[in-house]
């Protein structure tokens, strides 16, 4: 394994940790219905972006 691969893994882990911490804090004070709506909207947005950026 190269040194750049290890550095990329470390940076990626830090970024993922920060994103997950933000998501946990955002959903912590939200009810189950609100969290479900936000999750469905996020999945829908990712799906829409994937359709719009798909190359044929």
PDB file of N, CA and C in Angstrom:
ATOM      1  N   UNK A   1       0.851  -1.176   0.000  1.00  0.00           N
ATOM      2  CA  UNK A   1       0.000   0.000   0.000  1.00  0.00           C
ATOM      3  C   UNK A   1       0.896   1.239   0.000  1.00  0.00           C
ATOM      4  N   UNK A   2       0.546   2.197  -0.799  1.00  0.00           N
ATOM      5  CA  UNK A   2       1.341   3.411  -0.907  1.00  0.00           C
ATOM      6  C   UNK A   2       0.980   4.404   0.193  1.00  0.00           C
ATOM      7  N   UNK A   3       1.884   5.330   0.457  1.00  0.00           N
ATOM      8  CA  UNK A   3       1.652   6.328   1.501  1.00  0.00           C
ATOM      9  C   UNK A   3       0.464   7.226   1.159  1.00  0.00           C
ATOM     10  N   UNK A   4       0.273   7.535  -0.124  1.00  0.00           N
ATOM     11  CA  UNK A   4      -0.855   8.382  -0.517  1.00  0.00           C
ATOM     12  C   UNK A   4      -2.181   7.667  -0.300  1.00  0.00           C
ATOM     13  N   UNK A   5      -2.205   6.351  -0.470  1.00  0.00           N
ATOM     14  CA  UNK A   5      -3.422   5.584  -0.215  1.00  0.00           C
ATOM     15  C   UNK A   5      -3.801   5.663   1.262  1.00  0.00           C
ATOM     16  N   UNK A   6      -2.834   5.556   2.131  1.00  0.00           N
ATOM     17  CA  UNK A   6      -3.081   5.627   3.572  1.00  0.00           C
ATOM     18  C   UNK A   6      -3.574   7.025   3.945  1.00  0.00           C
ATOM     19  N   UNK A   7      -2.951   8.048   3.377  1.00  0.00           N
ATOM     20  CA  UNK A   7      -3.377   9.422   3.660  1.00  0.00           C
ATOM     21  C   UNK A   7      -4.804   9.647   3.175  1.00  0.00           C
ATOM     22  N   UNK A   8      -5.144   9.115   2.006  1.00  0.00           N
ATOM     23  CA  UNK A   8      -6.496   9.270   1.481  1.00  0.00           C
ATOM     24  C   UNK A   8      -7.512   8.565   2.383  1.00  0.00           C
ATOM     25  N   UNK A   9      -7.168   7.406   2.889  1.00  0.00           N
ATOM     26  CA  UNK A   9      -8.059   6.670   3.791  1.00  0.00           C
ATOM     27  C   UNK A   9      -8.283   7.465   5.078  1.00  0.00           C
ATOM     28  N   UNK A  10      -7.238   8.054   5.615  1.00  0.00           N
ATOM     29  CA  UNK A  10      -7.355   8.831   6.852  1.00  0.00           C
ATOM     30  C   UNK A  10      -8.221  10.059   6.634  1.00  0.00           C
ATOM     31  N   UNK A  11      -7.969  10.793   5.562  1.00  0.00           N
ATOM     32  CA  UNK A  11      -8.761  12.002   5.272  1.00  0.00           C
ATOM     33  C   UNK A  11     -10.216  11.634   5.017  1.00  0.00           C
ATOM     34  N   UNK A  12     -10.444  10.572   4.263  1.00  0.00           N
ATOM     35  CA  UNK A  12     -11.808  10.128   3.985  1.00  0.00           C
ATOM     36  C   UNK A  12     -12.536   9.744   5.276  1.00  0.00           C
ATOM     37  N   UNK A  13     -11.848   9.072   6.176  1.00  0.00           N
ATOM     38  CA  UNK A  13     -12.450   8.687   7.456  1.00  0.00           C
ATOM     39  C   UNK A  13     -12.813   9.907   8.288  1.00  0.00           C
ATOM     40  N   UNK A  14     -11.948  10.897   8.301  1.00  0.00           N
ATOM     41  CA  UNK A  14     -12.240  12.125   9.052  1.00  0.00           C
ATOM     42  C   UNK A  14     -13.453  12.848   8.479  1.00  0.00           C
ATOM     43  N   UNK A  15     -13.509  12.955   7.155  1.00  0.00           N
ATOM     44  CA  UNK A  15     -14.647  13.642   6.529  1.00  0.00           C
ATOM     45  C   UNK A  15     -15.940  12.883   6.800  1.00  0.00           C
ATOM     46  N   UNK A  16     -15.920  11.567   6.657  1.00  0.00           N
ATOM     47  CA  UNK A  16     -17.119  10.783   6.939  1.00  0.00           C
ATOM     48  C   UNK A  16     -17.545  10.927   8.395  1.00  0.00           C
ATOM     49  N   UNK A  17     -16.594  10.936   9.302  1.00  0.00           N
ATOM     50  CA  UNK A  17     -16.923  11.123  10.713  1.00  0.00           C
ATOM     51  C   UNK A  17     -17.594  12.456  10.971  1.00  0.00           C
ATOM     52  N   UNK A  18     -17.099  13.517  10.355  1.00  0.00           N
ATOM     53  CA  UNK A  18     -17.712  14.839  10.519  1.00  0.00           C
ATOM     54  C   UNK A  18     -19.118  14.887   9.926  1.00  0.00           C
ATOM     55  N   UNK A  19     -19.294  14.270   8.767  1.00  0.00           N
ATOM     56  CA  UNK A  19     -20.616  14.257   8.137  1.00  0.00           C
ATOM     57  C   UNK A  19     -21.603  13.480   8.999  1.00  0.00           C
ATOM     58  N   UNK A  20     -21.196  12.306   9.480  1.00  0.00           N
ATOM     59  CA  UNK A  20     -22.091  11.516  10.327  1.00  0.00           C
ATOM     60  C   UNK A  20     -22.405  12.222  11.642  1.00  0.00           C
ATOM     61  N   UNK A  21     -21.455  12.914  12.213  1.00  0.00           N
ATOM     62  CA  UNK A  21     -21.697  13.679  13.445  1.00  0.00           C
ATOM     63  C   UNK A  21     -22.712  14.783  13.184  1.00  0.00           C
ATOM     64  N   UNK A  22     -22.579  15.478  12.046  1.00  0.00           N
ATOM     65  CA  UNK A  22     -23.530  16.532  11.697  1.00  0.00           C
ATOM     66  C   UNK A  22     -24.929  15.956  11.514  1.00  0.00           C
ATOM     67  N   UNK A  23     -25.027  14.833  10.800  1.00  0.00           N
ATOM     68  CA  UNK A  23     -26.335  14.213  10.577  1.00  0.00           C
ATOM     69  C   UNK A  23     -26.949  13.776  11.900  1.00  0.00           C
ATOM     70  N   UNK A  24     -26.160  13.170  12.773  1.00  0.00           N
ATOM     71  CA  UNK A  24     -26.681  12.724  14.069  1.00  0.00           C
ATOM     72  C   UNK A  24     -27.199  13.905  14.888  1.00  0.00           C
ATOM     73  N   UNK A  25     -26.432  15.001  14.921  1.00  0.00           N
ATOM     74  CA  UNK A  25     -26.863  16.174  15.681  1.00  0.00           C
ATOM     75  C   UNK A  25     -28.116  16.794  15.078  1.00  0.00           C
ATOM     76  N   UNK A  26     -28.218  16.802  13.744  1.00  0.00           N
ATOM     77  CA  UNK A  26     -29.389  17.380  13.089  1.00  0.00           C
ATOM     78  C   UNK A  26     -30.642  16.543  13.358  1.00  0.00           C
ATOM     79  N   UNK A  27     -30.502  15.225  13.393  1.00  0.00           N
ATOM     80  CA  UNK A  27     -31.655  14.347  13.583  1.00  0.00           C
ATOM     81  C   UNK A  27     -31.969  14.109  15.061  1.00  0.00           C
ATOM     82  N   UNK A  28     -31.062  14.479  15.957  1.00  0.00           N
ATOM     83  CA  UNK A  28     -31.223  14.165  17.374  1.00  0.00           C
ATOM     84  C   UNK A  28     -32.486  14.781  17.980  1.00  0.00           C
ATOM     85  N   UNK A  29     -32.813  16.006  17.604  1.00  0.00           N
ATOM     86  CA  UNK A  29     -33.969  16.693  18.185  1.00  0.00           C
ATOM     87  C   UNK A  29     -35.206  16.583  17.299  1.00  0.00           C
ATOM     88  N   UNK A  30     -35.127  15.770  16.274  1.00  0.00           N
ATOM     89  CA  UNK A  30     -36.223  15.626  15.336  1.00  0.00           C
ATOM     90  C   UNK A  30     -37.023  14.379  15.681  1.00  0.00           C
ATOM     91  N   UNK A  31     -38.304  14.435  15.461  1.00  0.00           N
ATOM     92  CA  UNK A  31     -39.143  13.261  15.681  1.00  0.00           C
ATOM     93  C   UNK A  31     -38.941  12.240  14.583  1.00  0.00           C
ATOM     94  N   UNK A  32     -39.537  11.069  14.767  1.00  0.00           N
ATOM     95  CA  UNK A  32     -39.384   9.991  13.796  1.00  0.00           C
ATOM     96  C   UNK A  32     -39.977  10.372  12.444  1.00  0.00           C
ATOM     97  N   UNK A  33     -41.137  11.004  12.438  1.00  0.00           N
ATOM     98  CA  UNK A  33     -41.770  11.389  11.176  1.00  0.00           C
ATOM     99  C   UNK A  33     -40.927  12.429  10.440  1.00  0.00           C
ATOM    100  N   UNK A  34     -40.414  13.404  11.167  1.00  0.00           N
ATOM    101  CA  UNK A  34     -39.572  14.421  10.543  1.00  0.00           C
ATOM    102  C   UNK A  34     -38.294  13.829   9.966  1.00  0.00           C
ATOM    103  N   UNK A  35     -37.680  12.927  10.714  1.00  0.00           N
ATOM    104  CA  UNK A  35     -36.460  12.278  10.234  1.00  0.00           C
ATOM    105  C   UNK A  35     -36.750  11.439   8.993  1.00  0.00           C
ATOM    106  N   UNK A  36     -37.894  10.771   8.959  1.00  0.00           N
ATOM    107  CA  UNK A  36     -38.262   9.967   7.787  1.00  0.00           C
ATOM    108  C   UNK A  36     -38.482  10.854   6.567  1.00  0.00           C
ATOM    109  N   UNK A  37     -39.111  12.009   6.774  1.00  0.00           N
ATOM    110  CA  UNK A  37     -39.341  12.934   5.658  1.00  0.00           C
ATOM    111  C   UNK A  37     -38.024  13.474   5.127  1.00  0.00           C
ATOM    112  N   UNK A  38     -37.125  13.872   6.012  1.00  0.00           N
ATOM    113  CA  UNK A  38     -35.826  14.393   5.585  1.00  0.00           C
ATOM    114  C   UNK A  38     -35.020  13.310   4.873  1.00  0.00           C
ATOM    115  N   UNK A  39     -35.060  12.093   5.391  1.00  0.00           N
ATOM    116  CA  UNK A  39     -34.332  10.992   4.755  1.00  0.00           C
ATOM    117  C   UNK A  39     -34.897  10.706   3.364  1.00  0.00           C
ATOM    118  N   UNK A  40     -36.224  10.687   3.229  1.00  0.00           N
ATOM    119  CA  UNK A  40     -36.845  10.436   1.928  1.00  0.00           C
ATOM    120  C   UNK A  40     -36.508  11.558   0.943  1.00  0.00           C
ATOM    121  N   UNK A  41     -36.514  12.799   1.417  1.00  0.00           N
ATOM    122  CA  UNK A  41     -36.163  13.927   0.550  1.00  0.00           C
ATOM    123  C   UNK A  41     -34.701  13.837   0.110  1.00  0.00           C
ATOM    124  N   UNK A  42     -33.818  13.459   1.012  1.00  0.00           N
ATOM    125  CA  UNK A  42     -32.399  13.324   0.669  1.00  0.00           C
ATOM    126  C   UNK A  42     -32.166  12.223  -0.343  1.00  0.00           C
ATOM    127  N   UNK A  43     -32.820  11.087  -0.154  1.00  0.00           N
ATOM    128  CA  UNK A  43     -32.687   9.981  -1.105  1.00  0.00           C
ATOM    129  C   UNK A  43     -33.262  10.384  -2.459  1.00  0.00           C
ATOM    130  N   UNK A  44     -34.388  11.084  -2.439  1.00  0.00           N
ATOM    131  CA  UNK A  44     -34.984  11.562  -3.689  1.00  0.00           C
ATOM    132  C   UNK A  44     -34.081  12.542  -4.412  1.00  0.00           C
ATOM    133  N   UNK A  45     -33.434  13.419  -3.670  1.00  0.00           N
ATOM    134  CA  UNK A  45     -32.518  14.387  -4.271  1.00  0.00           C
ATOM    135  C   UNK A  45     -31.316  13.687  -4.902  1.00  0.00           C
ATOM    136  N   UNK A  46     -30.753  12.717  -4.199  1.00  0.00           N
ATOM    137  CA  UNK A  46     -29.622  11.960  -4.754  1.00  0.00           C
ATOM    138  C   UNK A  46     -30.058  11.207  -6.007  1.00  0.00           C
ATOM    139  N   UNK A  47     -31.248  10.622  -5.995  1.00  0.00           N
ATOM    140  CA  UNK A  47     -31.772   9.903  -7.148  1.00  0.00           C
ATOM    141  C   UNK A  47     -31.955  10.845  -8.334  1.00  0.00           C
ATOM    142  N   UNK A  48     -32.513  12.040  -8.084  1.00  0.00           N
ATOM    143  CA  UNK A  48     -32.718  13.031  -9.137  1.00  0.00           C
ATOM    144  C   UNK A  48     -31.395  13.486  -9.740  1.00  0.00           C
ATOM    145  N   UNK A  49     -30.412  13.755  -8.897  1.00  0.00           N
ATOM    146  CA  UNK A  49     -29.098  14.165  -9.391  1.00  0.00           C
ATOM    147  C   UNK A  49     -28.460  13.061 -10.224  1.00  0.00           C
ATOM    148  N   UNK A  50     -28.623  11.819  -9.795  1.00  0.00           N
ATOM    149  CA  UNK A  50     -28.035  10.708 -10.556  1.00  0.00           C
ATOM    150  C   UNK A  50     -28.702  10.573 -11.922  1.00  0.00           C
ATOM    151  N   UNK A  51     -29.999  10.833 -12.001  1.00  0.00           N
ATOM    152  CA  UNK A  51     -30.684  10.774 -13.284  1.00  0.00           C
ATOM    153  C   UNK A  51     -30.237  11.918 -14.188  1.00  0.00           C
ATOM    154  N   UNK A  52     -30.122  13.110 -13.635  1.00  0.00           N
ATOM    155  CA  UNK A  52     -29.749  14.272 -14.434  1.00  0.00           C
ATOM    156  C   UNK A  52     -28.304  14.213 -14.915  1.00  0.00           C
ATOM    157  N   UNK A  53     -27.442  13.557 -14.175  1.00  0.00           N
ATOM    158  CA  UNK A  53     -26.033  13.504 -14.556  1.00  0.00           C
ATOM    159  C   UNK A  53     -25.666  12.236 -15.309  1.00  0.00           C
ATOM    160  N   UNK A  54     -26.619  11.346 -15.498  1.00  0.00           N
ATOM    161  CA  UNK A  54     -26.350  10.097 -16.210  1.00  0.00           C
ATOM    162  C   UNK A  54     -26.058  10.394 -17.667  1.00  0.00           C
ATOM    163  N   UNK A  55     -24.993   9.816 -18.162  1.00  0.00           N
ATOM    164  CA  UNK A  55     -24.614   9.996 -19.569  1.00  0.00           C
ATOM    165  C   UNK A  55     -25.095   8.796 -20.360  1.00  0.00           C
ATOM    166  N   UNK A  56     -25.649   9.074 -21.502  1.00  0.00           N
ATOM    167  CA  UNK A  56     -26.162   7.986 -22.342  1.00  0.00           C
ATOM    168  C   UNK A  56     -25.288   7.778 -23.527  1.00  0.00           C
TER     169      UNK A  56
END
